[in-house]
Every structure is written in structure tokens, then in C-alpha cells.
Amino acid sequence: MDRRELEYFLAIVEHGSFTAAAQAMHVAQPSLSHAIRNLEKELGGKVFHRLPHGVSLTPAGDALVEPARQVMRDLSTATASVREVLGLASGRLDVVAQTTLAVDPLAELIGDFLRENPRVAVNVADPELGTDVTSAVRAGECELGVVDSEHPIGDLECMVLRGREIFAVLPPGSAPGQKRLSVPELSTLDWIATPPGTATRAVIEDTVGARGGEPTFAVETAHQAMIVPLVLAGAGATLLPRSMARDARARGAVVLPLRPRVVRRGVLFWRPGPLSPAAAQFLAMAGAIAELPR
């Protein structure tokens, strides 16, 4: 099988039909169909069930998805490595991160990286569930991942990033005269959070639960961008890292530090094996300010 066949195969998986994949890749559908027939002939079996309105993967096709993604990733890494030696291009960096980690600390890390490497193209994907982030790296969809954790992640290489302090973000007019909020006081609040398994939800559950409390969630939303507007509307409180809390304060929210301080850390991780030059350089830069795994 060749690169083109795998490229076409993954395009059909992503877009759900031969027609949509051909349109997305700007190729004639007969050319795409011919490539898939060759692929199936080489494999000795069908990779797609042809349906009246699209396709579905056969067991053989399902088994091919992750290896195909990793082959495409490895080819991209090899190309970038050669181009770096020849001085032809600066490459591409693909990162997947939970939303709050993408804001802090990933945004600042990428900014620092691009000041040194302005020609690198950076793409950041943001599935909010930590399990989706790790799956994307394991499957080769993205080269680097960032999740809210302090511990190594199974079979993946990783480094623990610097801590970020967490602040209580309350509706306007809340807690008059208070300069800080104790952790026990948090159990009296109604909370706004993203769904279970997300970074914002985990921070609230872990912080309130640290003293045996059980957080009461007034609003659960899949939209991270909706949380601060809901707080400003008086629907409840939330917990956010410093940079996001600072933005909320500028919009009128009451922001208070916690006592004792609550500090969360993120883990930057990647698959064992060769990395693209851009990813290797990003890791070297992040490692200079990272905290050692414990």
C-alpha cells in the first residue's frame, strides 16, 4: 500500500462517504474509488461497507485506522526532519489539549515557541475530555497532548508542567469585604462546570471534595466559553486558573484567592519514538520550565 491509498482511506473515514472525501481532497471520485479497491486487494478484504448513503468500516477497516494514522504521522515527521536539514521549511506542530490547559499554560508556551520559530505552523485541537486527548495522541492524530494531571500517563512519555494557581470566580456583588475564600466555604456555593471528565469539573470536584464536601452543580454546560457569562448572570460560581480568572474580573466577576492555595498542574505527553523537529524543539523549550514528574 502507498501513502495516497492511506490518505484516501482516512479521508473517507473522516468524511463518511466517497463523495464527501473526494470533494474535500479535490480529487475525482473514480480516482479515489480506484485507490481504495487497490488497497482492499492488497489487504485481501474489504475496509468499507458501501451503504446507500455513505460507508461504514468493516472490522478490517476499523483495525486499519490507528496504524494508518500513525504511518501518516511518521511520514510527516520524516519529511519535516529532512526539510529541516536541507533548510527548506520549518515544519508543523500539532497539539491537543483540554480547553483550560490550552488557555493556561499552553497559550503562553506556544507564544514563546513561535517567537523563536515564526515559520512553524501550529494547530491546537481541543476535545474537552481528558480521555479524548490521550486517545488522539495514541492514535497519531496529534503529536503532543496536554491534560490536567500530575501523574505519568501509561505508555506515553511525559513531563509535568509548571503549576497554575486556581481562583474562585463569583457573581458580581458576592462576598463583600472578603479578601479570600477558605476551602470549607466552597461547599456552600452553587457551581457552574463542564461535564464529568473535563478539566474545569475535575478542579471543582477535587477542591470541594478535599474537605469531604460534595459540590452542588447549578449548571452543567459543554461550552467552556459559557461559564463566565453564566457567573456574571448570577447562576453560580466556578474555579478558574489565574489568567482566565483575571479576564473574568475585568468583565465584572468577583475573583478571590483560595486559602489554602490550590495549585493544579498539567502533563505534556507524546508517543515514544521519533518526533518531528518542531515537536522536539517545543519539548526542549517546555522542559526548561517544566516540573519534574513525581
C-alpha atoms as a PDB file:
ATOM      1  CA  MET A   1       0.000   0.000   0.000  1.00  0.00           C
ATOM      2  CA  ASP A   2       1.195   3.549  -0.625  1.00  0.00           C
ATOM      3  CA  ARG A   3       0.731   6.894   1.078  1.00  0.00           C
ATOM      4  CA  ARG A   4      -2.013   8.026  -1.287  1.00  0.00           C
ATOM      5  CA  GLU A   5      -4.147   4.962  -0.550  1.00  0.00           C
ATOM      6  CA  LEU A   6      -3.879   5.532   3.204  1.00  0.00           C
ATOM      7  CA  GLU A   7      -4.583   9.246   2.746  1.00  0.00           C
ATOM      8  CA  TYR A   8      -7.750   8.484   0.778  1.00  0.00           C
ATOM      9  CA  PHE A   9      -8.780   5.804   3.273  1.00  0.00           C
ATOM     10  CA  LEU A  10      -8.512   8.216   6.226  1.00  0.00           C
ATOM     11  CA  ALA A  11     -10.338  10.945   4.301  1.00  0.00           C
ATOM     12  CA  ILE A  12     -13.295   8.608   3.736  1.00  0.00           C
ATOM     13  CA  VAL A  13     -13.260   7.636   7.427  1.00  0.00           C
ATOM     14  CA  GLU A  14     -13.321  11.327   8.402  1.00  0.00           C
ATOM     15  CA  HIS A  15     -15.972  12.476   5.937  1.00  0.00           C
ATOM     16  CA  GLY A  16     -18.208   9.393   5.952  1.00  0.00           C
ATOM     17  CA  SER A  17     -18.511   8.840   2.197  1.00  0.00           C
ATOM     18  CA  PHE A  18     -16.516   8.554  -1.022  1.00  0.00           C
ATOM     19  CA  THR A  19     -18.228  11.623  -2.454  1.00  0.00           C
ATOM     20  CA  ALA A  20     -17.535  13.885   0.520  1.00  0.00           C
ATOM     21  CA  ALA A  21     -13.926  12.698   0.756  1.00  0.00           C
ATOM     22  CA  ALA A  22     -13.317  13.308  -2.940  1.00  0.00           C
ATOM     23  CA  GLN A  23     -14.721  16.829  -2.639  1.00  0.00           C
ATOM     24  CA  ALA A  24     -12.640  17.590   0.451  1.00  0.00           C
ATOM     25  CA  MET A  25      -9.427  16.352  -1.203  1.00  0.00           C
ATOM     26  CA  HIS A  26     -10.229  17.917  -4.601  1.00  0.00           C
ATOM     27  CA  VAL A  27      -9.807  14.648  -6.480  1.00  0.00           C
ATOM     28  CA  ALA A  28     -12.075  12.818  -8.899  1.00  0.00           C
ATOM     29  CA  GLN A  29     -14.210  10.209  -7.173  1.00  0.00           C
ATOM     30  CA  PRO A  30     -13.244   7.436  -9.640  1.00  0.00           C
ATOM     31  CA  SER A  31      -9.558   8.002  -8.724  1.00  0.00           C
ATOM     32  CA  LEU A  32     -10.376   7.702  -5.029  1.00  0.00           C
ATOM     33  CA  SER A  33     -12.509   4.583  -5.593  1.00  0.00           C
ATOM     34  CA  HIS A  34      -9.719   3.000  -7.652  1.00  0.00           C
ATOM     35  CA  ALA A  35      -7.179   3.641  -4.867  1.00  0.00           C
ATOM     36  CA  ILE A  36      -9.436   2.036  -2.248  1.00  0.00           C
ATOM     37  CA  ARG A  37     -10.013  -1.016  -4.472  1.00  0.00           C
ATOM     38  CA  ASN A  38      -6.234  -1.392  -4.771  1.00  0.00           C
ATOM     39  CA  LEU A  39      -5.889  -1.069  -1.001  1.00  0.00           C
ATOM     40  CA  GLU A  40      -8.538  -3.740  -0.402  1.00  0.00           C
ATOM     41  CA  LYS A  41      -6.871  -6.026  -2.948  1.00  0.00           C
ATOM     42  CA  GLU A  42      -3.517  -5.644  -1.172  1.00  0.00           C
ATOM     43  CA  LEU A  43      -5.101  -6.310   2.235  1.00  0.00           C
ATOM     44  CA  GLY A  44      -7.195  -9.225   0.999  1.00  0.00           C
ATOM     45  CA  GLY A  45     -10.530  -7.892   2.266  1.00  0.00           C
ATOM     46  CA  LYS A  46     -12.988  -5.013   2.305  1.00  0.00           C
ATOM     47  CA  VAL A  47     -12.302  -1.990   4.518  1.00  0.00           C
ATOM     48  CA  PHE A  48     -15.701  -0.336   3.968  1.00  0.00           C
ATOM     49  CA  HIS A  49     -19.302  -1.453   3.822  1.00  0.00           C
ATOM     50  CA  ARG A  50     -20.806   0.512   0.920  1.00  0.00           C
ATOM     51  CA  LEU A  51     -24.179   1.864   2.108  1.00  0.00           C
ATOM     52  CA  PRO A  52     -26.894   3.763   0.189  1.00  0.00           C
ATOM     53  CA  HIS A  53     -25.881   6.990   1.897  1.00  0.00           C
ATOM     54  CA  GLY A  54     -22.210   6.697   2.773  1.00  0.00           C
ATOM     55  CA  VAL A  55     -19.983   3.986   4.201  1.00  0.00           C
ATOM     56  CA  SER A  56     -19.190   2.227   7.456  1.00  0.00           C
ATOM     57  CA  LEU A  57     -15.985   0.497   8.472  1.00  0.00           C
ATOM     58  CA  THR A  58     -15.652  -3.266   8.306  1.00  0.00           C
ATOM     59  CA  PRO A  59     -13.731  -4.949  11.155  1.00  0.00           C
ATOM     60  CA  ALA A  60     -10.673  -4.930   8.878  1.00  0.00           C
ATOM     61  CA  GLY A  61     -11.124  -1.227   8.174  1.00  0.00           C
ATOM     62  CA  ASP A  62     -11.548  -0.449  11.853  1.00  0.00           C
ATOM     63  CA  ALA A  63      -8.288  -2.262  12.601  1.00  0.00           C
ATOM     64  CA  LEU A  64      -6.517  -0.205   9.921  1.00  0.00           C
ATOM     65  CA  VAL A  65      -7.487   3.277  11.201  1.00  0.00           C
ATOM     66  CA  GLU A  66      -4.947   3.714  14.000  1.00  0.00           C
ATOM     67  CA  PRO A  67      -1.973   2.186  12.128  1.00  0.00           C
ATOM     68  CA  ALA A  68      -2.819   4.300   9.066  1.00  0.00           C
ATOM     69  CA  ARG A  69      -2.868   7.478  11.161  1.00  0.00           C
ATOM     70  CA  GLN A  70       0.473   6.604  12.714  1.00  0.00           C
ATOM     71  CA  VAL A  71       2.021   5.838   9.306  1.00  0.00           C
ATOM     72  CA  MET A  72       0.884   9.266   8.056  1.00  0.00           C
ATOM     73  CA  ARG A  73       2.268  10.895  11.193  1.00  0.00           C
ATOM     74  CA  ASP A  74       5.622   9.082  10.791  1.00  0.00           C
ATOM     75  CA  LEU A  75       5.839  10.110   7.137  1.00  0.00           C
ATOM     76  CA  SER A  76       5.138  13.707   8.094  1.00  0.00           C
ATOM     77  CA  THR A  77       7.846  13.555  10.778  1.00  0.00           C
ATOM     78  CA  ALA A  78      10.347  12.091   8.329  1.00  0.00           C
ATOM     79  CA  THR A  79       9.579  14.788   5.758  1.00  0.00           C
ATOM     80  CA  ALA A  80       9.914  17.553   8.322  1.00  0.00           C
ATOM     81  CA  SER A  81      13.232  16.155   9.552  1.00  0.00           C
ATOM     82  CA  VAL A  82      14.695  16.104   6.036  1.00  0.00           C
ATOM     83  CA  ARG A  83      13.404  19.577   5.281  1.00  0.00           C
ATOM     84  CA  GLU A  84      14.952  20.919   8.465  1.00  0.00           C
ATOM     85  CA  VAL A  85      18.361  19.502   7.478  1.00  0.00           C
ATOM     86  CA  LEU A  86      18.023  20.956   3.991  1.00  0.00           C
ATOM     87  CA  GLY A  87      16.716  24.260   5.308  1.00  0.00           C
ATOM     88  CA  LEU A  88      13.565  24.074   3.177  1.00  0.00           C
ATOM     89  CA  ALA A  89      10.841  24.558   5.789  1.00  0.00           C
ATOM     90  CA  SER A  90      10.204  24.934   9.494  1.00  0.00           C
ATOM     91  CA  GLY A  91       7.521  22.265   9.859  1.00  0.00           C
ATOM     92  CA  ARG A  92       4.260  21.891  11.721  1.00  0.00           C
ATOM     93  CA  LEU A  93       3.276  21.358  15.353  1.00  0.00           C
ATOM     94  CA  ASP A  94       0.027  19.544  16.230  1.00  0.00           C
ATOM     95  CA  VAL A  95      -1.105  19.723  19.862  1.00  0.00           C
ATOM     96  CA  VAL A  96      -4.318  18.515  21.510  1.00  0.00           C
ATOM     97  CA  ALA A  97      -5.305  19.968  24.908  1.00  0.00           C
ATOM     98  CA  GLN A  98      -8.228  20.372  27.263  1.00  0.00           C
ATOM     99  CA  THR A  99      -9.619  23.897  26.951  1.00  0.00           C
ATOM    100  CA  THR A 100      -8.431  25.342  30.261  1.00  0.00           C
ATOM    101  CA  LEU A 101      -4.950  23.896  29.707  1.00  0.00           C
ATOM    102  CA  ALA A 102      -4.935  25.354  26.184  1.00  0.00           C
ATOM    103  CA  VAL A 103      -5.519  28.787  27.725  1.00  0.00           C
ATOM    104  CA  ASP A 104      -3.054  28.323  30.587  1.00  0.00           C
ATOM    105  CA  PRO A 105      -0.240  27.314  30.252  1.00  0.00           C
ATOM    106  CA  LEU A 106      -0.271  26.190  26.582  1.00  0.00           C
ATOM    107  CA  ALA A 107      -1.041  29.589  25.015  1.00  0.00           C
ATOM    108  CA  GLU A 108       1.994  31.194  26.643  1.00  0.00           C
ATOM    109  CA  LEU A 109       4.229  28.237  25.746  1.00  0.00           C
ATOM    110  CA  ILE A 110       3.174  28.421  22.098  1.00  0.00           C
ATOM    111  CA  GLY A 111       3.710  32.176  22.071  1.00  0.00           C
ATOM    112  CA  ASP A 112       7.267  31.731  23.384  1.00  0.00           C
ATOM    113  CA  PHE A 113       7.879  28.935  20.872  1.00  0.00           C
ATOM    114  CA  LEU A 114       6.669  30.967  17.886  1.00  0.00           C
ATOM    115  CA  ARG A 115       8.835  33.939  18.793  1.00  0.00           C
ATOM    116  CA  GLU A 116      11.795  31.633  18.240  1.00  0.00           C
ATOM    117  CA  ASN A 117      10.230  29.675  15.355  1.00  0.00           C
ATOM    118  CA  PRO A 118       7.909  32.066  13.494  1.00  0.00           C
ATOM    119  CA  ARG A 119       7.574  29.859  10.393  1.00  0.00           C
ATOM    120  CA  VAL A 120       6.231  26.796  12.214  1.00  0.00           C
ATOM    121  CA  ALA A 121       2.518  26.223  11.590  1.00  0.00           C
ATOM    122  CA  VAL A 122       0.769  25.352  14.876  1.00  0.00           C
ATOM    123  CA  ASN A 123      -2.567  23.571  15.159  1.00  0.00           C
ATOM    124  CA  VAL A 124      -4.312  23.123  18.536  1.00  0.00           C
ATOM    125  CA  ALA A 125      -7.258  20.727  18.848  1.00  0.00           C
ATOM    126  CA  ASP A 126      -9.457  20.944  21.941  1.00  0.00           C
ATOM    127  CA  PRO A 127     -11.572  17.935  22.901  1.00  0.00           C
ATOM    128  CA  GLU A 128     -12.503  18.761  26.493  1.00  0.00           C
ATOM    129  CA  LEU A 129     -12.439  15.194  27.806  1.00  0.00           C
ATOM    130  CA  GLY A 130      -9.022  14.093  29.010  1.00  0.00           C
ATOM    131  CA  THR A 131      -9.603  10.583  27.618  1.00  0.00           C
ATOM    132  CA  ASP A 132     -10.171  12.064  24.138  1.00  0.00           C
ATOM    133  CA  VAL A 133      -6.912  13.995  24.411  1.00  0.00           C
ATOM    134  CA  THR A 134      -4.865  10.898  25.252  1.00  0.00           C
ATOM    135  CA  SER A 135      -6.666   8.866  22.566  1.00  0.00           C
ATOM    136  CA  ALA A 136      -5.780  11.471  19.914  1.00  0.00           C
ATOM    137  CA  VAL A 137      -2.079  11.173  20.763  1.00  0.00           C
ATOM    138  CA  ARG A 138      -2.120   7.373  20.967  1.00  0.00           C
ATOM    139  CA  ALA A 139      -3.875   7.204  17.582  1.00  0.00           C
ATOM    140  CA  GLY A 140      -1.328   9.531  15.976  1.00  0.00           C
ATOM    141  CA  GLU A 141      -3.894  12.245  15.234  1.00  0.00           C
ATOM    142  CA  CYS A 142      -1.784  14.765  17.173  1.00  0.00           C
ATOM    143  CA  GLU A 143       1.859  14.612  18.175  1.00  0.00           C
ATOM    144  CA  LEU A 144       1.615  16.266  21.611  1.00  0.00           C
ATOM    145  CA  GLY A 145      -1.141  16.350  24.227  1.00  0.00           C
ATOM    146  CA  VAL A 146      -1.840  18.303  27.415  1.00  0.00           C
ATOM    147  CA  VAL A 147      -4.244  17.246  30.188  1.00  0.00           C
ATOM    148  CA  ASP A 148      -4.996  18.259  33.770  1.00  0.00           C
ATOM    149  CA  SER A 149      -2.931  15.775  35.767  1.00  0.00           C
ATOM    150  CA  GLU A 150       0.213  15.446  37.856  1.00  0.00           C
ATOM    151  CA  HIS A 151       0.995  11.830  37.059  1.00  0.00           C
ATOM    152  CA  PRO A 152       2.556   9.905  34.144  1.00  0.00           C
ATOM    153  CA  ILE A 153       0.099   8.562  31.571  1.00  0.00           C
ATOM    154  CA  GLY A 154       0.532   4.843  30.965  1.00  0.00           C
ATOM    155  CA  ASP A 155       2.592   4.064  27.898  1.00  0.00           C
ATOM    156  CA  LEU A 156       3.244   7.690  26.921  1.00  0.00           C
ATOM    157  CA  GLU A 157       6.305   9.832  27.533  1.00  0.00           C
ATOM    158  CA  CYS A 158       5.507  12.938  29.555  1.00  0.00           C
ATOM    159  CA  MET A 159       6.617  15.937  31.591  1.00  0.00           C
ATOM    160  CA  VAL A 160       4.713  17.773  34.321  1.00  0.00           C
ATOM    161  CA  LEU A 161       4.246  21.455  33.523  1.00  0.00           C
ATOM    162  CA  ARG A 162       4.514  24.322  35.983  1.00  0.00           C
ATOM    163  CA  GLY A 163       1.637  24.770  38.428  1.00  0.00           C
ATOM    164  CA  ARG A 164      -1.169  27.258  37.891  1.00  0.00           C
ATOM    165  CA  GLU A 165      -2.980  28.771  40.869  1.00  0.00           C
ATOM    166  CA  ILE A 166      -6.763  28.361  40.970  1.00  0.00           C
ATOM    167  CA  PHE A 167      -9.143  31.175  41.990  1.00  0.00           C
ATOM    168  CA  ALA A 168     -12.829  31.326  42.939  1.00  0.00           C
ATOM    169  CA  VAL A 169     -14.877  33.290  40.401  1.00  0.00           C
ATOM    170  CA  LEU A 170     -18.174  34.592  41.845  1.00  0.00           C
ATOM    171  CA  PRO A 171     -21.115  36.660  40.559  1.00  0.00           C
ATOM    172  CA  PRO A 172     -20.847  40.475  40.818  1.00  0.00           C
ATOM    173  CA  GLY A 173     -21.555  41.734  44.348  1.00  0.00           C
ATOM    174  CA  SER A 174     -20.698  38.411  46.023  1.00  0.00           C
ATOM    175  CA  ALA A 175     -18.669  38.092  49.265  1.00  0.00           C
ATOM    176  CA  PRO A 176     -18.488  41.831  50.099  1.00  0.00           C
ATOM    177  CA  GLY A 177     -15.391  42.710  52.089  1.00  0.00           C
ATOM    178  CA  GLN A 178     -13.797  39.277  51.742  1.00  0.00           C
ATOM    179  CA  LYS A 179     -10.216  39.093  50.500  1.00  0.00           C
ATOM    180  CA  ARG A 180     -10.008  35.319  50.225  1.00  0.00           C
ATOM    181  CA  LEU A 181     -12.217  32.225  50.373  1.00  0.00           C
ATOM    182  CA  SER A 182     -11.476  29.213  52.531  1.00  0.00           C
ATOM    183  CA  VAL A 183     -11.827  25.755  51.027  1.00  0.00           C
ATOM    184  CA  PRO A 184     -14.599  24.786  53.525  1.00  0.00           C
ATOM    185  CA  GLU A 185     -16.637  27.814  52.363  1.00  0.00           C
ATOM    186  CA  LEU A 186     -16.666  26.427  48.836  1.00  0.00           C
ATOM    187  CA  SER A 187     -19.124  23.668  49.793  1.00  0.00           C
ATOM    188  CA  THR A 188     -21.797  26.323  50.408  1.00  0.00           C
ATOM    189  CA  LEU A 189     -21.713  27.560  46.799  1.00  0.00           C
ATOM    190  CA  ASP A 190     -23.644  26.513  43.719  1.00  0.00           C
ATOM    191  CA  TRP A 191     -21.303  25.654  40.864  1.00  0.00           C
ATOM    192  CA  ILE A 192     -21.129  26.085  37.110  1.00  0.00           C
ATOM    193  CA  ALA A 193     -18.983  23.481  35.357  1.00  0.00           C
ATOM    194  CA  THR A 194     -18.341  21.480  32.248  1.00  0.00           C
ATOM    195  CA  PRO A 195     -19.336  17.759  32.172  1.00  0.00           C
ATOM    196  CA  PRO A 196     -17.635  14.969  34.159  1.00  0.00           C
ATOM    197  CA  GLY A 197     -14.195  14.096  32.849  1.00  0.00           C
ATOM    198  CA  THR A 198     -13.352  17.689  31.903  1.00  0.00           C
ATOM    199  CA  ALA A 199     -10.643  19.846  33.474  1.00  0.00           C
ATOM    200  CA  THR A 200     -12.923  22.514  35.000  1.00  0.00           C
ATOM    201  CA  ARG A 201     -15.205  19.868  36.518  1.00  0.00           C
ATOM    202  CA  ALA A 202     -12.246  17.954  37.978  1.00  0.00           C
ATOM    203  CA  VAL A 203     -10.850  21.086  39.635  1.00  0.00           C
ATOM    204  CA  ILE A 204     -14.171  21.792  41.362  1.00  0.00           C
ATOM    205  CA  GLU A 205     -14.779  18.180  42.416  1.00  0.00           C
ATOM    206  CA  ASP A 206     -11.249  17.736  43.745  1.00  0.00           C
ATOM    207  CA  THR A 207     -11.094  21.085  45.560  1.00  0.00           C
ATOM    208  CA  VAL A 208     -14.514  20.954  47.198  1.00  0.00           C
ATOM    209  CA  GLY A 209     -14.148  17.239  47.862  1.00  0.00           C
ATOM    210  CA  ALA A 210     -10.787  17.756  49.574  1.00  0.00           C
ATOM    211  CA  ARG A 211     -12.676  18.563  52.797  1.00  0.00           C
ATOM    212  CA  GLY A 212     -15.321  15.904  52.330  1.00  0.00           C
ATOM    213  CA  GLY A 213     -17.790  18.243  50.646  1.00  0.00           C
ATOM    214  CA  GLU A 214     -19.956  17.369  47.689  1.00  0.00           C
ATOM    215  CA  PRO A 215     -20.265  20.208  45.134  1.00  0.00           C
ATOM    216  CA  THR A 216     -23.762  21.218  44.047  1.00  0.00           C
ATOM    217  CA  PHE A 217     -23.835  21.947  40.325  1.00  0.00           C
ATOM    218  CA  ALA A 218     -26.375  24.593  39.338  1.00  0.00           C
ATOM    219  CA  VAL A 219     -25.443  24.484  35.642  1.00  0.00           C
ATOM    220  CA  GLU A 220     -23.541  21.922  33.603  1.00  0.00           C
ATOM    221  CA  THR A 221     -22.534  23.074  30.122  1.00  0.00           C
ATOM    222  CA  ALA A 222     -20.350  21.602  27.406  1.00  0.00           C
ATOM    223  CA  HIS A 223     -19.456  25.140  26.316  1.00  0.00           C
ATOM    224  CA  GLN A 224     -16.409  26.364  28.258  1.00  0.00           C
ATOM    225  CA  ALA A 225     -16.944  29.869  26.865  1.00  0.00           C
ATOM    226  CA  MET A 226     -20.395  29.961  28.515  1.00  0.00           C
ATOM    227  CA  ILE A 227     -19.109  29.570  32.083  1.00  0.00           C
ATOM    228  CA  VAL A 228     -18.044  33.157  32.811  1.00  0.00           C
ATOM    229  CA  PRO A 229     -21.218  34.687  31.260  1.00  0.00           C
ATOM    230  CA  LEU A 230     -23.264  32.365  33.488  1.00  0.00           C
ATOM    231  CA  VAL A 231     -21.295  33.506  36.540  1.00  0.00           C
ATOM    232  CA  LEU A 232     -21.829  37.149  35.551  1.00  0.00           C
ATOM    233  CA  ALA A 233     -25.555  36.430  35.199  1.00  0.00           C
ATOM    234  CA  GLY A 234     -25.630  35.156  38.797  1.00  0.00           C
ATOM    235  CA  ALA A 235     -26.193  31.476  38.009  1.00  0.00           C
ATOM    236  CA  GLY A 236     -23.388  30.272  40.262  1.00  0.00           C
ATOM    237  CA  ALA A 237     -19.638  30.230  40.883  1.00  0.00           C
ATOM    238  CA  THR A 238     -16.700  28.461  39.264  1.00  0.00           C
ATOM    239  CA  LEU A 239     -12.985  27.832  39.729  1.00  0.00           C
ATOM    240  CA  LEU A 240     -10.512  29.019  37.086  1.00  0.00           C
ATOM    241  CA  PRO A 241      -6.737  29.421  36.688  1.00  0.00           C
ATOM    242  CA  ARG A 242      -5.232  32.889  37.164  1.00  0.00           C
ATOM    243  CA  SER A 243      -5.282  34.066  33.542  1.00  0.00           C
ATOM    244  CA  MET A 244      -8.935  33.097  32.968  1.00  0.00           C
ATOM    245  CA  ALA A 245      -9.949  34.461  36.393  1.00  0.00           C
ATOM    246  CA  ARG A 246      -8.243  37.756  35.585  1.00  0.00           C
ATOM    247  CA  ASP A 247     -10.293  38.068  32.397  1.00  0.00           C
ATOM    248  CA  ALA A 248     -13.471  37.290  34.354  1.00  0.00           C
ATOM    249  CA  ARG A 249     -12.636  40.039  36.881  1.00  0.00           C
ATOM    250  CA  ALA A 250     -12.234  42.533  34.035  1.00  0.00           C
ATOM    251  CA  ARG A 251     -15.791  41.673  32.982  1.00  0.00           C
ATOM    252  CA  GLY A 252     -17.220  42.294  36.463  1.00  0.00           C
ATOM    253  CA  ALA A 253     -16.900  38.989  38.325  1.00  0.00           C
ATOM    254  CA  VAL A 254     -15.646  38.816  41.897  1.00  0.00           C
ATOM    255  CA  VAL A 255     -12.369  36.889  41.988  1.00  0.00           C
ATOM    256  CA  LEU A 256     -10.917  35.640  45.274  1.00  0.00           C
ATOM    257  CA  PRO A 257      -7.816  33.576  46.042  1.00  0.00           C
ATOM    258  CA  LEU A 258      -8.297  30.334  47.964  1.00  0.00           C
ATOM    259  CA  ARG A 259      -6.808  29.560  51.353  1.00  0.00           C
ATOM    260  CA  PRO A 260      -5.036  27.253  51.456  1.00  0.00           C
ATOM    261  CA  ARG A 261      -3.802  27.874  47.906  1.00  0.00           C
ATOM    262  CA  VAL A 262      -4.919  25.403  45.266  1.00  0.00           C
ATOM    263  CA  VAL A 263      -2.379  24.698  42.536  1.00  0.00           C
ATOM    264  CA  ARG A 264      -3.092  22.439  39.554  1.00  0.00           C
ATOM    265  CA  ARG A 265      -0.588  21.037  37.112  1.00  0.00           C
ATOM    266  CA  GLY A 266      -0.821  19.808  33.567  1.00  0.00           C
ATOM    267  CA  VAL A 267       1.015  16.948  31.879  1.00  0.00           C
ATOM    268  CA  LEU A 268       2.525  17.377  28.412  1.00  0.00           C
ATOM    269  CA  PHE A 269       2.850  13.955  26.752  1.00  0.00           C
ATOM    270  CA  TRP A 270       3.748  12.224  23.491  1.00  0.00           C
ATOM    271  CA  ARG A 271       4.203   8.772  21.996  1.00  0.00           C
ATOM    272  CA  PRO A 272       7.587   7.074  22.428  1.00  0.00           C
ATOM    273  CA  GLY A 273       9.729   7.219  19.306  1.00  0.00           C
ATOM    274  CA  PRO A 274      10.894   9.835  16.803  1.00  0.00           C
ATOM    275  CA  LEU A 275       9.336  13.307  16.967  1.00  0.00           C
ATOM    276  CA  SER A 276       9.115  15.975  14.307  1.00  0.00           C
ATOM    277  CA  PRO A 277      11.759  18.702  14.626  1.00  0.00           C
ATOM    278  CA  ALA A 278       9.073  21.208  15.648  1.00  0.00           C
ATOM    279  CA  ALA A 279       7.756  18.928  18.417  1.00  0.00           C
ATOM    280  CA  ALA A 280      11.257  18.104  19.652  1.00  0.00           C
ATOM    281  CA  GLN A 281      12.130  21.792  19.882  1.00  0.00           C
ATOM    282  CA  PHE A 282       8.834  22.596  21.623  1.00  0.00           C
ATOM    283  CA  LEU A 283       9.515  19.874  24.210  1.00  0.00           C
ATOM    284  CA  ALA A 284      13.016  21.189  24.812  1.00  0.00           C
ATOM    285  CA  MET A 285      11.627  24.675  25.427  1.00  0.00           C
ATOM    286  CA  ALA A 286       8.812  23.423  27.671  1.00  0.00           C
ATOM    287  CA  GLY A 287      11.226  21.187  29.558  1.00  0.00           C
ATOM    288  CA  ALA A 288      13.315  24.172  30.556  1.00  0.00           C
ATOM    289  CA  ILE A 289      10.440  25.445  32.719  1.00  0.00           C
ATOM    290  CA  ALA A 290       8.665  22.159  33.477  1.00  0.00           C
ATOM    291  CA  GLU A 291       8.442  20.482  36.850  1.00  0.00           C
ATOM    292  CA  LEU A 292       9.895  17.002  37.121  1.00  0.00           C
ATOM    293  CA  PRO A 293       7.395  14.104  37.266  1.00  0.00           C
ATOM    294  CA  ARG A 294       6.849  12.911  40.821  1.00  0.00           C
END
